[in-house]
N, C-alpha and C. Protein backbone atom coordinates (compact mmCIF):
# COMPACT_ATOMS: atom_id res chain seq x y z
N MET A 1 -17.38 -6.30 13.49
CA MET A 1 -15.94 -6.43 13.39
C MET A 1 -15.34 -5.94 14.70
N LYS A 2 -14.60 -6.80 15.36
CA LYS A 2 -13.95 -6.44 16.61
C LYS A 2 -12.57 -5.87 16.28
N ILE A 3 -12.27 -4.70 16.82
CA ILE A 3 -11.00 -4.05 16.56
C ILE A 3 -10.14 -4.14 17.81
N VAL A 4 -8.96 -4.73 17.66
CA VAL A 4 -8.02 -4.92 18.76
C VAL A 4 -7.03 -3.76 18.75
N LYS A 5 -6.63 -3.29 19.93
CA LYS A 5 -5.76 -2.13 20.04
C LYS A 5 -4.47 -2.28 19.23
N SER A 6 -3.83 -3.44 19.28
CA SER A 6 -2.59 -3.64 18.52
C SER A 6 -2.83 -3.57 17.01
N GLU A 7 -4.01 -4.03 16.58
CA GLU A 7 -4.35 -3.95 15.16
C GLU A 7 -4.58 -2.50 14.74
N VAL A 8 -5.18 -1.72 15.61
CA VAL A 8 -5.40 -0.30 15.31
C VAL A 8 -4.06 0.40 15.14
N LYS A 9 -3.11 0.09 16.01
CA LYS A 9 -1.78 0.71 15.92
C LYS A 9 -1.12 0.33 14.59
N THR A 10 -1.19 -0.93 14.22
CA THR A 10 -0.61 -1.39 12.96
C THR A 10 -1.30 -0.73 11.78
N LEU A 11 -2.61 -0.68 11.80
CA LEU A 11 -3.36 -0.07 10.70
C LEU A 11 -3.13 1.44 10.64
N THR A 12 -2.97 2.07 11.79
CA THR A 12 -2.67 3.51 11.80
C THR A 12 -1.35 3.77 11.10
N TYR A 13 -0.35 2.96 11.39
CA TYR A 13 0.95 3.12 10.74
C TYR A 13 0.82 2.90 9.23
N ALA A 14 0.04 1.89 8.84
CA ALA A 14 -0.17 1.62 7.42
C ALA A 14 -0.87 2.78 6.72
N LEU A 15 -1.87 3.35 7.39
CA LEU A 15 -2.58 4.49 6.80
C LEU A 15 -1.68 5.72 6.69
N ARG A 16 -0.83 5.92 7.68
CA ARG A 16 0.13 7.03 7.60
C ARG A 16 1.09 6.81 6.44
N ALA A 17 1.55 5.59 6.28
CA ALA A 17 2.45 5.29 5.17
C ALA A 17 1.74 5.49 3.83
N TYR A 18 0.49 5.13 3.79
CA TYR A 18 -0.30 5.25 2.56
C TYR A 18 -0.59 6.71 2.21
N ASN A 19 -0.61 7.55 3.21
CA ASN A 19 -1.03 8.95 3.03
C ASN A 19 0.08 9.81 2.43
N HIS A 20 0.58 9.41 1.28
CA HIS A 20 1.59 10.18 0.55
C HIS A 20 1.40 9.87 -0.93
N THR A 21 1.31 10.90 -1.73
CA THR A 21 1.01 10.73 -3.16
C THR A 21 1.99 9.80 -3.86
N LEU A 22 3.27 9.95 -3.59
CA LEU A 22 4.26 9.10 -4.26
C LEU A 22 4.11 7.64 -3.85
N ARG A 23 3.86 7.39 -2.57
CA ARG A 23 3.68 6.01 -2.12
C ARG A 23 2.40 5.42 -2.70
N GLN A 24 1.37 6.24 -2.88
CA GLN A 24 0.15 5.77 -3.53
C GLN A 24 0.44 5.39 -4.98
N ARG A 25 1.29 6.18 -5.65
CA ARG A 25 1.66 5.86 -7.03
C ARG A 25 2.45 4.55 -7.10
N ILE A 26 3.32 4.32 -6.12
CA ILE A 26 4.08 3.07 -6.07
C ILE A 26 3.13 1.89 -5.88
N LEU A 27 2.18 2.01 -4.95
CA LEU A 27 1.23 0.93 -4.71
C LEU A 27 0.36 0.66 -5.94
N ALA A 28 -0.07 1.72 -6.60
CA ALA A 28 -0.88 1.55 -7.82
C ALA A 28 -0.06 0.86 -8.91
N LEU A 29 1.22 1.20 -9.02
CA LEU A 29 2.10 0.57 -10.01
C LEU A 29 2.26 -0.92 -9.70
N LEU A 30 2.45 -1.25 -8.44
CA LEU A 30 2.58 -2.66 -8.04
C LEU A 30 1.27 -3.42 -8.23
N GLU A 31 0.16 -2.74 -7.99
CA GLU A 31 -1.14 -3.37 -8.22
C GLU A 31 -1.30 -3.72 -9.70
N LYS A 32 -0.89 -2.82 -10.55
CA LYS A 32 -1.03 -3.01 -12.00
C LYS A 32 -0.06 -4.06 -12.53
N ASN A 33 1.19 -4.05 -12.06
CA ASN A 33 2.23 -4.89 -12.64
C ASN A 33 2.62 -6.11 -11.83
N GLY A 34 2.11 -6.24 -10.63
CA GLY A 34 2.51 -7.36 -9.79
C GLY A 34 3.90 -7.12 -9.21
N GLU A 35 4.70 -8.16 -9.14
CA GLU A 35 6.04 -8.06 -8.58
C GLU A 35 6.97 -7.30 -9.52
N MET A 36 7.72 -6.35 -8.95
CA MET A 36 8.63 -5.53 -9.76
C MET A 36 9.94 -5.31 -9.03
N PRO A 37 11.06 -5.32 -9.78
CA PRO A 37 12.33 -4.94 -9.16
C PRO A 37 12.39 -3.43 -8.91
N VAL A 38 13.19 -3.04 -7.93
CA VAL A 38 13.32 -1.63 -7.57
C VAL A 38 13.65 -0.79 -8.79
N THR A 39 14.56 -1.27 -9.61
CA THR A 39 14.98 -0.52 -10.80
C THR A 39 13.80 -0.18 -11.68
N ASP A 40 12.93 -1.14 -11.93
CA ASP A 40 11.76 -0.89 -12.78
C ASP A 40 10.80 0.12 -12.14
N ILE A 41 10.71 0.09 -10.82
CA ILE A 41 9.83 1.03 -10.12
C ILE A 41 10.33 2.46 -10.27
N PHE A 42 11.62 2.68 -10.00
CA PHE A 42 12.08 4.07 -10.07
C PHE A 42 12.17 4.58 -11.50
N ILE A 43 12.38 3.69 -12.47
CA ILE A 43 12.37 4.11 -13.87
C ILE A 43 10.94 4.46 -14.30
N ALA A 44 9.98 3.60 -13.95
CA ALA A 44 8.59 3.82 -14.36
C ALA A 44 8.03 5.12 -13.78
N LEU A 45 8.44 5.46 -12.57
CA LEU A 45 7.93 6.66 -11.91
C LEU A 45 8.84 7.88 -12.08
N ARG A 46 9.94 7.68 -12.82
CA ARG A 46 10.90 8.76 -13.08
C ARG A 46 11.41 9.39 -11.79
N LEU A 47 11.91 8.52 -10.92
CA LEU A 47 12.43 8.95 -9.62
C LEU A 47 13.92 8.67 -9.53
N GLU A 48 14.56 9.33 -8.59
CA GLU A 48 15.91 8.95 -8.22
C GLU A 48 15.81 7.63 -7.46
N GLN A 49 16.82 6.80 -7.61
CA GLN A 49 16.81 5.49 -6.94
C GLN A 49 16.69 5.65 -5.43
N SER A 50 17.38 6.63 -4.86
CA SER A 50 17.34 6.82 -3.40
C SER A 50 15.95 7.21 -2.91
N VAL A 51 15.25 8.03 -3.69
CA VAL A 51 13.89 8.46 -3.33
C VAL A 51 12.95 7.26 -3.35
N ALA A 52 13.04 6.47 -4.42
CA ALA A 52 12.19 5.27 -4.51
C ALA A 52 12.48 4.32 -3.35
N SER A 53 13.76 4.12 -3.05
CA SER A 53 14.13 3.20 -1.97
C SER A 53 13.62 3.68 -0.62
N GLN A 54 13.68 4.98 -0.36
CA GLN A 54 13.17 5.52 0.91
C GLN A 54 11.67 5.24 1.04
N HIS A 55 10.92 5.52 -0.01
CA HIS A 55 9.47 5.33 0.06
C HIS A 55 9.10 3.85 0.10
N LEU A 56 9.84 3.02 -0.61
CA LEU A 56 9.60 1.57 -0.54
C LEU A 56 9.89 1.05 0.87
N GLY A 57 10.89 1.63 1.53
CA GLY A 57 11.20 1.24 2.90
C GLY A 57 10.06 1.57 3.86
N VAL A 58 9.45 2.74 3.68
CA VAL A 58 8.30 3.12 4.50
C VAL A 58 7.15 2.14 4.27
N LEU A 59 6.89 1.81 3.01
CA LEU A 59 5.81 0.86 2.69
C LEU A 59 6.11 -0.54 3.23
N ARG A 60 7.38 -0.93 3.19
CA ARG A 60 7.77 -2.24 3.71
C ARG A 60 7.59 -2.29 5.22
N ARG A 61 8.03 -1.25 5.93
CA ARG A 61 7.89 -1.22 7.40
C ARG A 61 6.42 -1.18 7.82
N ALA A 62 5.57 -0.64 6.96
CA ALA A 62 4.13 -0.59 7.23
C ALA A 62 3.44 -1.88 6.79
N ASP A 63 4.19 -2.83 6.29
CA ASP A 63 3.67 -4.13 5.81
C ASP A 63 2.70 -4.00 4.64
N LEU A 64 2.82 -2.93 3.85
CA LEU A 64 1.97 -2.79 2.67
C LEU A 64 2.59 -3.45 1.45
N VAL A 65 3.90 -3.67 1.49
CA VAL A 65 4.59 -4.39 0.43
C VAL A 65 5.50 -5.42 1.07
N GLU A 66 5.87 -6.42 0.29
CA GLU A 66 6.83 -7.42 0.74
C GLU A 66 7.87 -7.61 -0.35
N THR A 67 9.00 -8.16 0.03
CA THR A 67 10.11 -8.29 -0.91
C THR A 67 10.57 -9.73 -1.05
N THR A 68 11.20 -9.98 -2.18
CA THR A 68 11.95 -11.21 -2.39
C THR A 68 13.28 -10.81 -3.00
N ARG A 69 14.32 -11.51 -2.64
CA ARG A 69 15.65 -11.20 -3.16
C ARG A 69 16.12 -12.37 -4.01
N THR A 70 16.56 -12.05 -5.22
CA THR A 70 17.14 -13.02 -6.13
C THR A 70 18.51 -12.48 -6.52
N GLY A 71 19.54 -13.03 -5.91
CA GLY A 71 20.88 -12.50 -6.15
C GLY A 71 20.97 -11.08 -5.65
N LYS A 72 21.36 -10.15 -6.53
CA LYS A 72 21.46 -8.75 -6.12
C LYS A 72 20.18 -7.97 -6.37
N TYR A 73 19.15 -8.61 -6.89
CA TYR A 73 17.90 -7.93 -7.21
C TYR A 73 16.87 -8.11 -6.11
N VAL A 74 16.22 -7.00 -5.74
CA VAL A 74 15.13 -7.02 -4.77
C VAL A 74 13.86 -6.69 -5.53
N LYS A 75 12.87 -7.58 -5.40
CA LYS A 75 11.58 -7.36 -6.06
C LYS A 75 10.52 -7.07 -5.00
N TYR A 76 9.64 -6.15 -5.33
CA TYR A 76 8.55 -5.74 -4.44
C TYR A 76 7.21 -6.17 -5.01
N ARG A 77 6.28 -6.48 -4.12
CA ARG A 77 4.90 -6.78 -4.51
C ARG A 77 4.00 -6.35 -3.36
N LEU A 78 2.72 -6.13 -3.68
CA LEU A 78 1.76 -5.78 -2.64
C LEU A 78 1.63 -6.91 -1.64
N ARG A 79 1.47 -6.57 -0.40
CA ARG A 79 1.19 -7.56 0.64
C ARG A 79 -0.32 -7.64 0.76
N LYS A 80 -0.89 -8.63 0.10
CA LYS A 80 -2.35 -8.74 -0.02
C LYS A 80 -3.05 -8.80 1.33
N SER A 81 -2.45 -9.46 2.33
CA SER A 81 -3.12 -9.56 3.64
C SER A 81 -3.27 -8.19 4.29
N SER A 82 -2.25 -7.35 4.17
CA SER A 82 -2.34 -6.00 4.75
C SER A 82 -3.34 -5.14 3.99
N ILE A 83 -3.34 -5.27 2.67
CA ILE A 83 -4.30 -4.53 1.86
C ILE A 83 -5.71 -4.98 2.23
N SER A 84 -5.88 -6.27 2.48
CA SER A 84 -7.18 -6.81 2.88
C SER A 84 -7.62 -6.23 4.22
N GLN A 85 -6.67 -6.10 5.17
CA GLN A 85 -6.99 -5.50 6.46
C GLN A 85 -7.44 -4.05 6.28
N LEU A 86 -6.74 -3.32 5.42
CA LEU A 86 -7.14 -1.94 5.16
C LEU A 86 -8.51 -1.88 4.54
N LYS A 87 -8.79 -2.82 3.64
CA LYS A 87 -10.12 -2.89 3.02
C LYS A 87 -11.19 -3.15 4.08
N ASN A 88 -10.91 -4.08 4.98
CA ASN A 88 -11.87 -4.38 6.05
C ASN A 88 -12.11 -3.17 6.94
N LEU A 89 -11.05 -2.45 7.25
CA LEU A 89 -11.19 -1.24 8.04
C LEU A 89 -12.02 -0.21 7.29
N ALA A 90 -11.74 -0.04 5.98
CA ALA A 90 -12.51 0.91 5.17
C ALA A 90 -13.98 0.49 5.11
N ASP A 91 -14.23 -0.82 4.97
CA ASP A 91 -15.60 -1.33 4.95
C ASP A 91 -16.31 -1.03 6.27
N HIS A 92 -15.59 -1.28 7.37
CA HIS A 92 -16.18 -1.04 8.69
C HIS A 92 -16.51 0.44 8.85
N TRP A 93 -15.56 1.30 8.50
CA TRP A 93 -15.77 2.74 8.58
C TRP A 93 -16.91 3.16 7.67
N HIS A 94 -16.92 2.62 6.46
CA HIS A 94 -17.95 2.95 5.46
C HIS A 94 -19.34 2.55 5.96
N ASN A 95 -19.44 1.37 6.54
CA ASN A 95 -20.73 0.86 6.97
C ASN A 95 -21.24 1.50 8.27
N ASN A 96 -20.33 2.07 9.05
CA ASN A 96 -20.73 2.59 10.36
C ASN A 96 -20.69 4.10 10.48
N THR A 97 -20.17 4.80 9.48
CA THR A 97 -20.10 6.25 9.62
C THR A 97 -20.76 6.99 8.47
N GLU A 98 -20.40 6.67 7.26
CA GLU A 98 -20.94 7.40 6.13
C GLU A 98 -21.31 6.40 5.03
N PRO A 99 -22.53 5.90 5.05
CA PRO A 99 -22.90 4.82 4.14
C PRO A 99 -22.89 5.18 2.67
N HIS A 100 -22.77 6.44 2.31
CA HIS A 100 -22.83 6.80 0.90
C HIS A 100 -21.48 7.12 0.30
N ARG A 101 -20.40 7.00 1.07
CA ARG A 101 -19.07 7.29 0.54
C ARG A 101 -18.54 6.09 -0.23
N SER A 102 -17.73 6.37 -1.23
CA SER A 102 -17.11 5.33 -2.04
C SER A 102 -15.97 4.68 -1.28
N GLN A 103 -15.66 3.42 -1.61
CA GLN A 103 -14.52 2.74 -1.02
C GLN A 103 -13.24 3.05 -1.78
N ARG A 104 -13.35 3.78 -2.87
CA ARG A 104 -12.15 4.16 -3.60
C ARG A 104 -11.38 5.17 -2.76
N ILE A 105 -10.10 4.95 -2.62
CA ILE A 105 -9.28 5.88 -1.87
C ILE A 105 -8.92 7.01 -2.83
N VAL A 106 -9.34 8.20 -2.49
CA VAL A 106 -9.23 9.36 -3.36
C VAL A 106 -7.77 9.62 -3.73
N GLY A 107 -7.54 9.80 -5.03
CA GLY A 107 -6.23 10.19 -5.52
C GLY A 107 -5.29 9.05 -5.78
N SER A 108 -5.63 7.84 -5.40
CA SER A 108 -4.67 6.75 -5.52
C SER A 108 -4.86 5.92 -6.77
N GLY A 109 -6.08 5.90 -7.30
CA GLY A 109 -6.35 4.99 -8.40
C GLY A 109 -6.59 3.57 -7.93
N MET A 110 -6.51 3.34 -6.61
CA MET A 110 -6.73 1.99 -6.07
C MET A 110 -8.14 1.87 -5.53
N ASP A 111 -8.79 0.81 -5.88
CA ASP A 111 -10.13 0.53 -5.41
C ASP A 111 -10.04 -0.63 -4.44
N LEU A 112 -10.13 -0.36 -3.15
CA LEU A 112 -10.01 -1.41 -2.15
C LEU A 112 -11.06 -2.50 -2.32
N ALA A 113 -12.23 -2.14 -2.80
CA ALA A 113 -13.29 -3.13 -2.97
C ALA A 113 -12.94 -4.16 -4.03
N ALA A 114 -12.10 -3.79 -4.96
CA ALA A 114 -11.74 -4.70 -6.05
C ALA A 114 -10.59 -5.63 -5.69
N MET A 115 -9.93 -5.39 -4.56
CA MET A 115 -8.75 -6.19 -4.21
C MET A 115 -9.12 -7.43 -3.46
């Protein structure tokens, strides 16, 4: 796997965005439910709307989620291509550094190998 500098920068930002328990919970919720409106996300996670929106913004800027707007409603879903890139990076790291580590990202409930 050839790693390009610009891709490393993008993936680094995505990993930084991912490295937060609440954002991991949001991603796991979207993985489980597919596309969801913001309202359903903050209700399901028992968050203030502003807190959910801030974290969704971080995930959106990191290209881990994408949005669609229908009237006044914004729906979020996982951005499968970015998740796939993270999986490829995890696979590369797994295969070249520690062959016995799991591909499951600890604490998230997300299994990159299954995506």
